């Protein structure tokens, strides 16, 4: 396990960032983008996190599936 130090950061986006992202999506990537795609990122707000521990060893999708299979059907629903 590795320590991830707590702290604070600004989460979310503002109108000008949304406009720039939609413009880039439409003009550069030729995507079907709409400002409504960003509705879940409003308003920008401060987030404060406590320090926490995180695994430092990567687990592949295949390893995770094998783990779930050893637990049996629907085991992911009950933790």
PDB file of N, CA and C in Angstrom:
ATOM      1  N   UNK A   1       0.852  -1.178   0.000  1.00  0.00           N
ATOM      2  CA  UNK A   1       0.000   0.000   0.000  1.00  0.00           C
ATOM      3  C   UNK A   1       0.896   1.239   0.000  1.00  0.00           C
ATOM      4  N   UNK A   2       0.426   2.256  -0.670  1.00  0.00           N
ATOM      5  CA  UNK A   2       1.136   3.523  -0.690  1.00  0.00           C
ATOM      6  C   UNK A   2       0.240   4.627  -0.186  1.00  0.00           C
ATOM      7  N   UNK A   3       0.843   5.599   0.462  1.00  0.00           N
ATOM      8  CA  UNK A   3       0.090   6.726   1.001  1.00  0.00           C
ATOM      9  C   UNK A   3      -0.162   7.767  -0.081  1.00  0.00           C
ATOM     10  N   UNK A   4      -1.393   8.189  -0.186  1.00  0.00           N
ATOM     11  CA  UNK A   4      -1.761   9.325  -1.035  1.00  0.00           C
ATOM     12  C   UNK A   4      -2.125  10.444  -0.071  1.00  0.00           C
ATOM     13  N   UNK A   5      -1.338  11.498  -0.100  1.00  0.00           N
ATOM     14  CA  UNK A   5      -1.557  12.602   0.831  1.00  0.00           C
ATOM     15  C   UNK A   5      -2.850  13.335   0.520  1.00  0.00           C
ATOM     16  N   UNK A   6      -3.549  13.691   1.560  1.00  0.00           N
ATOM     17  CA  UNK A   6      -4.783  14.448   1.399  1.00  0.00           C
ATOM     18  C   UNK A   6      -4.495  15.865   0.955  1.00  0.00           C
ATOM     19  N   UNK A   7      -5.538  16.560   0.639  1.00  0.00           N
ATOM     20  CA  UNK A   7      -5.415  17.946   0.204  1.00  0.00           C
ATOM     21  C   UNK A   7      -6.722  18.420  -0.386  1.00  0.00           C
ATOM     22  N   UNK A   8      -6.658  19.513  -1.087  1.00  0.00           N
ATOM     23  CA  UNK A   8      -7.867  20.042  -1.718  1.00  0.00           C
ATOM     24  C   UNK A   8      -7.574  20.395  -3.164  1.00  0.00           C
ATOM     25  N   UNK A   9      -8.628  20.404  -3.963  1.00  0.00           N
ATOM     26  CA  UNK A   9      -8.510  20.775  -5.373  1.00  0.00           C
ATOM     27  C   UNK A   9      -9.851  21.297  -5.870  1.00  0.00           C
ATOM     28  N   UNK A  10      -9.811  21.974  -6.989  1.00  0.00           N
ATOM     29  CA  UNK A  10     -11.015  22.511  -7.616  1.00  0.00           C
ATOM     30  C   UNK A  10     -11.557  21.471  -8.581  1.00  0.00           C
ATOM     31  N   UNK A  11     -12.795  21.046  -8.390  1.00  0.00           N
ATOM     32  CA  UNK A  11     -13.422  20.035  -9.248  1.00  0.00           C
ATOM     33  C   UNK A  11     -14.583  20.673  -9.997  1.00  0.00           C
ATOM     34  N   UNK A  12     -14.681  20.371 -11.271  1.00  0.00           N
ATOM     35  CA  UNK A  12     -15.765  20.917 -12.074  1.00  0.00           C
ATOM     36  C   UNK A  12     -15.230  21.814 -13.173  1.00  0.00           C
ATOM     37  N   UNK A  13     -16.131  22.441 -13.859  1.00  0.00           N
ATOM     38  CA  UNK A  13     -15.752  23.269 -15.000  1.00  0.00           C
ATOM     39  C   UNK A  13     -16.651  24.489 -15.076  1.00  0.00           C
ATOM     40  N   UNK A  14     -16.233  25.459 -15.888  1.00  0.00           N
ATOM     41  CA  UNK A  14     -17.047  26.661 -16.060  1.00  0.00           C
ATOM     42  C   UNK A  14     -17.504  26.765 -17.514  1.00  0.00           C
ATOM     43  N   UNK A  15     -18.317  27.753 -17.798  1.00  0.00           N
ATOM     44  CA  UNK A  15     -18.919  27.894 -19.136  1.00  0.00           C
ATOM     45  C   UNK A  15     -17.880  28.038 -20.243  1.00  0.00           C
ATOM     46  N   UNK A  16     -16.816  28.804 -20.000  1.00  0.00           N
ATOM     47  CA  UNK A  16     -15.826  29.007 -21.062  1.00  0.00           C
ATOM     48  C   UNK A  16     -15.054  27.718 -21.349  1.00  0.00           C
ATOM     49  N   UNK A  17     -14.797  26.905 -20.330  1.00  0.00           N
ATOM     50  CA  UNK A  17     -14.121  25.629 -20.552  1.00  0.00           C
ATOM     51  C   UNK A  17     -15.017  24.672 -21.335  1.00  0.00           C
ATOM     52  N   UNK A  18     -16.299  24.692 -21.037  1.00  0.00           N
ATOM     53  CA  UNK A  18     -17.245  23.847 -21.770  1.00  0.00           C
ATOM     54  C   UNK A  18     -17.297  24.279 -23.231  1.00  0.00           C
ATOM     55  N   UNK A  19     -17.378  25.576 -23.471  1.00  0.00           N
ATOM     56  CA  UNK A  19     -17.432  26.084 -24.846  1.00  0.00           C
ATOM     57  C   UNK A  19     -16.185  25.674 -25.623  1.00  0.00           C
ATOM     58  N   UNK A  20     -15.022  25.778 -24.998  1.00  0.00           N
ATOM     59  CA  UNK A  20     -13.778  25.400 -25.666  1.00  0.00           C
ATOM     60  C   UNK A  20     -13.752  23.904 -25.961  1.00  0.00           C
ATOM     61  N   UNK A  21     -14.208  23.079 -25.019  1.00  0.00           N
ATOM     62  CA  UNK A  21     -14.216  21.629 -25.218  1.00  0.00           C
ATOM     63  C   UNK A  21     -15.181  21.232 -26.333  1.00  0.00           C
ATOM     64  N   UNK A  22     -16.348  21.839 -26.367  1.00  0.00           N
ATOM     65  CA  UNK A  22     -17.324  21.523 -27.414  1.00  0.00           C
ATOM     66  C   UNK A  22     -16.781  21.956 -28.769  1.00  0.00           C
ATOM     67  N   UNK A  23     -16.172  23.130 -28.831  1.00  0.00           N
ATOM     68  CA  UNK A  23     -15.594  23.616 -30.082  1.00  0.00           C
ATOM     69  C   UNK A  23     -14.504  22.672 -30.588  1.00  0.00           C
ATOM     70  N   UNK A  24     -13.627  22.241 -29.687  1.00  0.00           N
ATOM     71  CA  UNK A  24     -12.559  21.316 -30.078  1.00  0.00           C
ATOM     72  C   UNK A  24     -13.140  19.978 -30.535  1.00  0.00           C
ATOM     73  N   UNK A  25     -14.136  19.492 -29.828  1.00  0.00           N
ATOM     74  CA  UNK A  25     -14.761  18.223 -30.177  1.00  0.00           C
ATOM     75  C   UNK A  25     -15.375  18.278 -31.577  1.00  0.00           C
ATOM     76  N   UNK A  26     -16.077  19.345 -31.857  1.00  0.00           N
ATOM     77  CA  UNK A  26     -16.761  19.483 -33.142  1.00  0.00           C
ATOM     78  C   UNK A  26     -15.774  19.775 -34.272  1.00  0.00           C
ATOM     79  N   UNK A  27     -14.869  20.730 -34.048  1.00  0.00           N
ATOM     80  CA  UNK A  27     -13.988  21.193 -35.126  1.00  0.00           C
ATOM     81  C   UNK A  27     -12.760  20.320 -35.349  1.00  0.00           C
ATOM     82  N   UNK A  28     -12.183  19.774 -34.305  1.00  0.00           N
ATOM     83  CA  UNK A  28     -10.960  18.990 -34.447  1.00  0.00           C
ATOM     84  C   UNK A  28     -11.274  17.507 -34.618  1.00  0.00           C
ATOM     85  N   UNK A  29     -12.166  17.004 -33.783  1.00  0.00           N
ATOM     86  CA  UNK A  29     -12.436  15.570 -33.783  1.00  0.00           C
ATOM     87  C   UNK A  29     -13.696  15.193 -34.556  1.00  0.00           C
ATOM     88  N   UNK A  30     -14.392  16.192 -35.081  1.00  0.00           N
ATOM     89  CA  UNK A  30     -15.603  15.966 -35.887  1.00  0.00           C
ATOM     90  C   UNK A  30     -16.649  15.156 -35.135  1.00  0.00           C
ATOM     91  N   UNK A  31     -16.727  15.388 -33.834  1.00  0.00           N
ATOM     92  CA  UNK A  31     -17.654  14.644 -32.988  1.00  0.00           C
ATOM     93  C   UNK A  31     -19.005  15.312 -32.884  1.00  0.00           C
ATOM     94  N   UNK A  32     -19.964  14.570 -32.394  1.00  0.00           N
ATOM     95  CA  UNK A  32     -21.301  15.083 -32.132  1.00  0.00           C
ATOM     96  C   UNK A  32     -21.340  15.475 -30.657  1.00  0.00           C
ATOM     97  N   UNK A  33     -20.928  16.691 -30.365  1.00  0.00           N
ATOM     98  CA  UNK A  33     -20.806  17.154 -28.989  1.00  0.00           C
ATOM     99  C   UNK A  33     -21.849  18.218 -28.690  1.00  0.00           C
ATOM    100  N   UNK A  34     -22.212  18.287 -27.441  1.00  0.00           N
ATOM    101  CA  UNK A  34     -23.245  19.221 -27.031  1.00  0.00           C
ATOM    102  C   UNK A  34     -22.891  19.731 -25.637  1.00  0.00           C
ATOM    103  N   UNK A  35     -23.126  21.014 -25.369  1.00  0.00           N
ATOM    104  CA  UNK A  35     -22.825  21.537 -24.036  1.00  0.00           C
ATOM    105  C   UNK A  35     -23.537  20.796 -22.908  1.00  0.00           C
ATOM    106  N   UNK A  36     -24.670  20.165 -23.200  1.00  0.00           N
ATOM    107  CA  UNK A  36     -25.402  19.447 -22.154  1.00  0.00           C
ATOM    108  C   UNK A  36     -24.608  18.254 -21.620  1.00  0.00           C
ATOM    109  N   UNK A  37     -23.593  17.796 -22.372  1.00  0.00           N
ATOM    110  CA  UNK A  37     -22.762  16.686 -21.905  1.00  0.00           C
ATOM    111  C   UNK A  37     -22.006  17.050 -20.632  1.00  0.00           C
ATOM    112  N   UNK A  38     -21.880  18.336 -20.350  1.00  0.00           N
ATOM    113  CA  UNK A  38     -21.093  18.786 -19.199  1.00  0.00           C
ATOM    114  C   UNK A  38     -21.952  19.124 -17.985  1.00  0.00           C
ATOM    115  N   UNK A  39     -23.247  18.872 -18.054  1.00  0.00           N
ATOM    116  CA  UNK A  39     -24.136  19.279 -16.963  1.00  0.00           C
ATOM    117  C   UNK A  39     -23.737  18.703 -15.613  1.00  0.00           C
ATOM    118  N   UNK A  40     -23.122  17.525 -15.599  1.00  0.00           N
ATOM    119  CA  UNK A  40     -22.752  16.922 -14.320  1.00  0.00           C
ATOM    120  C   UNK A  40     -21.436  17.464 -13.755  1.00  0.00           C
ATOM    121  N   UNK A  41     -20.836  18.443 -14.425  1.00  0.00           N
ATOM    122  CA  UNK A  41     -19.581  19.002 -13.922  1.00  0.00           C
ATOM    123  C   UNK A  41     -19.746  20.428 -13.385  1.00  0.00           C
ATOM    124  N   UNK A  42     -20.972  20.897 -13.259  1.00  0.00           N
ATOM    125  CA  UNK A  42     -21.246  22.237 -12.728  1.00  0.00           C
ATOM    126  C   UNK A  42     -21.671  22.142 -11.280  1.00  0.00           C
ATOM    127  N   UNK A  43     -21.474  23.127 -10.516  1.00  0.00           N
ATOM    128  CA  UNK A  43     -20.536  24.215 -10.730  1.00  0.00           C
ATOM    129  C   UNK A  43     -19.149  23.791 -10.240  1.00  0.00           C
ATOM    130  N   UNK A  44     -18.122  24.534 -10.619  1.00  0.00           N
ATOM    131  CA  UNK A  44     -16.812  24.246 -10.041  1.00  0.00           C
ATOM    132  C   UNK A  44     -16.895  24.393  -8.517  1.00  0.00           C
ATOM    133  N   UNK A  45     -16.282  23.472  -7.790  1.00  0.00           N
ATOM    134  CA  UNK A  45     -16.350  23.526  -6.335  1.00  0.00           C
ATOM    135  C   UNK A  45     -15.088  22.920  -5.717  1.00  0.00           C
ATOM    136  N   UNK A  46     -14.802  23.320  -4.519  1.00  0.00           N
ATOM    137  CA  UNK A  46     -13.625  22.837  -3.802  1.00  0.00           C
ATOM    138  C   UNK A  46     -13.926  21.464  -3.196  1.00  0.00           C
ATOM    139  N   UNK A  47     -12.990  20.538  -3.375  1.00  0.00           N
ATOM    140  CA  UNK A  47     -13.094  19.206  -2.798  1.00  0.00           C
ATOM    141  C   UNK A  47     -11.915  19.017  -1.851  1.00  0.00           C
ATOM    142  N   UNK A  48     -12.202  18.524  -0.653  1.00  0.00           N
ATOM    143  CA  UNK A  48     -11.159  18.266   0.343  1.00  0.00           C
ATOM    144  C   UNK A  48     -11.127  16.765   0.607  1.00  0.00           C
ATOM    145  N   UNK A  49      -9.949  16.173   0.451  1.00  0.00           N
ATOM    146  CA  UNK A  49      -9.780  14.742   0.679  1.00  0.00           C
ATOM    147  C   UNK A  49      -8.835  14.494   1.841  1.00  0.00           C
ATOM    148  N   UNK A  50      -9.175  13.525   2.668  1.00  0.00           N
ATOM    149  CA  UNK A  50      -8.252  13.047   3.693  1.00  0.00           C
ATOM    150  C   UNK A  50      -7.185  12.194   3.017  1.00  0.00           C
ATOM    151  N   UNK A  51      -6.065  12.003   3.674  1.00  0.00           N
ATOM    152  CA  UNK A  51      -5.054  11.070   3.179  1.00  0.00           C
ATOM    153  C   UNK A  51      -5.657   9.668   3.162  1.00  0.00           C
ATOM    154  N   UNK A  52      -5.180   8.829   2.232  1.00  0.00           N
ATOM    155  CA  UNK A  52      -5.673   7.464   2.154  1.00  0.00           C
ATOM    156  C   UNK A  52      -4.595   6.557   1.587  1.00  0.00           C
ATOM    157  N   UNK A  53      -4.814   5.267   1.722  1.00  0.00           N
ATOM    158  CA  UNK A  53      -3.895   4.260   1.210  1.00  0.00           C
ATOM    159  C   UNK A  53      -4.436   3.713  -0.112  1.00  0.00           C
ATOM    160  N   UNK A  54      -3.513   3.401  -1.035  1.00  0.00           N
ATOM    161  CA  UNK A  54      -3.909   2.830  -2.322  1.00  0.00           C
ATOM    162  C   UNK A  54      -2.920   1.723  -2.676  1.00  0.00           C
ATOM    163  N   UNK A  55      -3.438   0.672  -3.271  1.00  0.00           N
ATOM    164  CA  UNK A  55      -2.561  -0.399  -3.733  1.00  0.00           C
ATOM    165  C   UNK A  55      -1.572   0.149  -4.748  1.00  0.00           C
ATOM    166  N   UNK A  56      -0.351  -0.326  -4.715  1.00  0.00           N
ATOM    167  CA  UNK A  56       0.664   0.151  -5.655  1.00  0.00           C
ATOM    168  C   UNK A  56       0.939  -0.870  -6.755  1.00  0.00           C
ATOM    169  N   UNK A  57       0.359  -2.070  -6.644  1.00  0.00           N
ATOM    170  CA  UNK A  57       0.554  -3.104  -7.652  1.00  0.00           C
ATOM    171  C   UNK A  57      -0.645  -3.124  -8.592  1.00  0.00           C
ATOM    172  N   UNK A  58      -0.359  -2.989  -9.867  1.00  0.00           N
ATOM    173  CA  UNK A  58      -1.422  -2.993 -10.867  1.00  0.00           C
ATOM    174  C   UNK A  58      -2.090  -4.360 -10.950  1.00  0.00           C
ATOM    175  N   UNK A  59      -3.400  -4.351 -11.121  1.00  0.00           N
ATOM    176  CA  UNK A  59      -4.167  -5.575 -11.326  1.00  0.00           C
ATOM    177  C   UNK A  59      -4.775  -5.481 -12.717  1.00  0.00           C
ATOM    178  N   UNK A  60      -4.526  -6.482 -13.539  1.00  0.00           N
ATOM    179  CA  UNK A  60      -5.089  -6.471 -14.889  1.00  0.00           C
ATOM    180  C   UNK A  60      -6.564  -6.846 -14.843  1.00  0.00           C
ATOM    181  N   UNK A  61      -7.253  -6.555 -15.920  1.00  0.00           N
ATOM    182  CA  UNK A  61      -8.663  -6.929 -16.013  1.00  0.00           C
ATOM    183  C   UNK A  61      -8.801  -8.444 -15.916  1.00  0.00           C
ATOM    184  N   UNK A  62      -7.904  -9.171 -16.555  1.00  0.00           N
ATOM    185  CA  UNK A  62      -7.943 -10.623 -16.509  1.00  0.00           C
ATOM    186  C   UNK A  62      -7.774 -11.166 -15.097  1.00  0.00           C
ATOM    187  N   UNK A  63      -6.856 -10.563 -14.334  1.00  0.00           N
ATOM    188  CA  UNK A  63      -6.666 -10.976 -12.944  1.00  0.00           C
ATOM    189  C   UNK A  63      -7.909 -10.686 -12.114  1.00  0.00           C
ATOM    190  N   UNK A  64      -8.517  -9.531 -12.351  1.00  0.00           N
ATOM    191  CA  UNK A  64      -9.717  -9.174 -11.604  1.00  0.00           C
ATOM    192  C   UNK A  64     -10.872 -10.112 -11.927  1.00  0.00           C
ATOM    193  N   UNK A  65     -11.033 -10.456 -13.205  1.00  0.00           N
ATOM    194  CA  UNK A  65     -12.091 -11.386 -13.610  1.00  0.00           C
ATOM    195  C   UNK A  65     -11.853 -12.752 -12.979  1.00  0.00           C
ATOM    196  N   UNK A  66     -10.605 -13.203 -12.960  1.00  0.00           N
ATOM    197  CA  UNK A  66     -10.294 -14.482 -12.331  1.00  0.00           C
ATOM    198  C   UNK A  66     -10.647 -14.440 -10.844  1.00  0.00           C
ATOM    199  N   UNK A  67     -10.341 -13.329 -10.191  1.00  0.00           N
ATOM    200  CA  UNK A  67     -10.684 -13.152  -8.779  1.00  0.00           C
ATOM    201  C   UNK A  67     -12.196 -13.239  -8.579  1.00  0.00           C
ATOM    202  N   UNK A  68     -12.951 -12.514  -9.402  1.00  0.00           N
ATOM    203  CA  UNK A  68     -14.412 -12.560  -9.281  1.00  0.00           C
ATOM    204  C   UNK A  68     -14.949 -13.961  -9.522  1.00  0.00           C
ATOM    205  N   UNK A  69     -14.356 -14.656 -10.482  1.00  0.00           N
ATOM    206  CA  UNK A  69     -14.820 -16.015 -10.787  1.00  0.00           C
ATOM    207  C   UNK A  69     -14.586 -16.965  -9.621  1.00  0.00           C
ATOM    208  N   UNK A  70     -13.532 -16.740  -8.849  1.00  0.00           N
ATOM    209  CA  UNK A  70     -13.302 -17.615  -7.691  1.00  0.00           C
ATOM    210  C   UNK A  70     -14.325 -17.336  -6.590  1.00  0.00           C
ATOM    211  N   UNK A  71     -14.865 -16.125  -6.544  1.00  0.00           N
ATOM    212  CA  UNK A  71     -15.861 -15.788  -5.534  1.00  0.00           C
ATOM    213  C   UNK A  71     -17.243 -16.310  -5.882  1.00  0.00           C
ATOM    214  N   UNK A  72     -17.507 -16.522  -7.166  1.00  0.00           N
ATOM    215  CA  UNK A  72     -18.783 -17.069  -7.595  1.00  0.00           C
ATOM    216  C   UNK A  72     -19.744 -16.009  -8.100  1.00  0.00           C
ATOM    217  N   UNK A  73     -20.852 -16.464  -8.687  1.00  0.00           N
ATOM    218  CA  UNK A  73     -21.832 -15.573  -9.299  1.00  0.00           C
ATOM    219  C   UNK A  73     -22.396 -14.550  -8.305  1.00  0.00           C
ATOM    220  N   UNK A  74     -22.522 -13.322  -8.754  1.00  0.00           N
ATOM    221  CA  UNK A  74     -23.138 -12.213  -8.017  1.00  0.00           C
ATOM    222  C   UNK A  74     -22.406 -11.836  -6.731  1.00  0.00           C
ATOM    223  N   UNK A  75     -21.203 -12.362  -6.498  1.00  0.00           N
ATOM    224  CA  UNK A  75     -20.464 -12.028  -5.281  1.00  0.00           C
ATOM    225  C   UNK A  75     -20.097 -10.545  -5.239  1.00  0.00           C
ATOM    226  N   UNK A  76     -19.967  -9.926  -6.409  1.00  0.00           N
ATOM    227  CA  UNK A  76     -19.644  -8.507  -6.458  1.00  0.00           C
ATOM    228  C   UNK A  76     -20.781  -7.643  -5.891  1.00  0.00           C
ATOM    229  N   UNK A  77     -21.978  -8.188  -5.816  1.00  0.00           N
ATOM    230  CA  UNK A  77     -23.116  -7.414  -5.327  1.00  0.00           C
ATOM    231  C   UNK A  77     -23.093  -7.256  -3.813  1.00  0.00           C
ATOM    232  N   UNK A  78     -22.441  -8.177  -3.121  1.00  0.00           N
ATOM    233  CA  UNK A  78     -22.426  -8.139  -1.667  1.00  0.00           C
ATOM    234  C   UNK A  78     -21.068  -7.786  -1.091  1.00  0.00           C
ATOM    235  N   UNK A  79     -20.087  -7.524  -1.966  1.00  0.00           N
ATOM    236  CA  UNK A  79     -18.748  -7.147  -1.482  1.00  0.00           C
ATOM    237  C   UNK A  79     -17.996  -8.333  -1.000  1.00  0.00           C
TER     238      UNK A  79
END
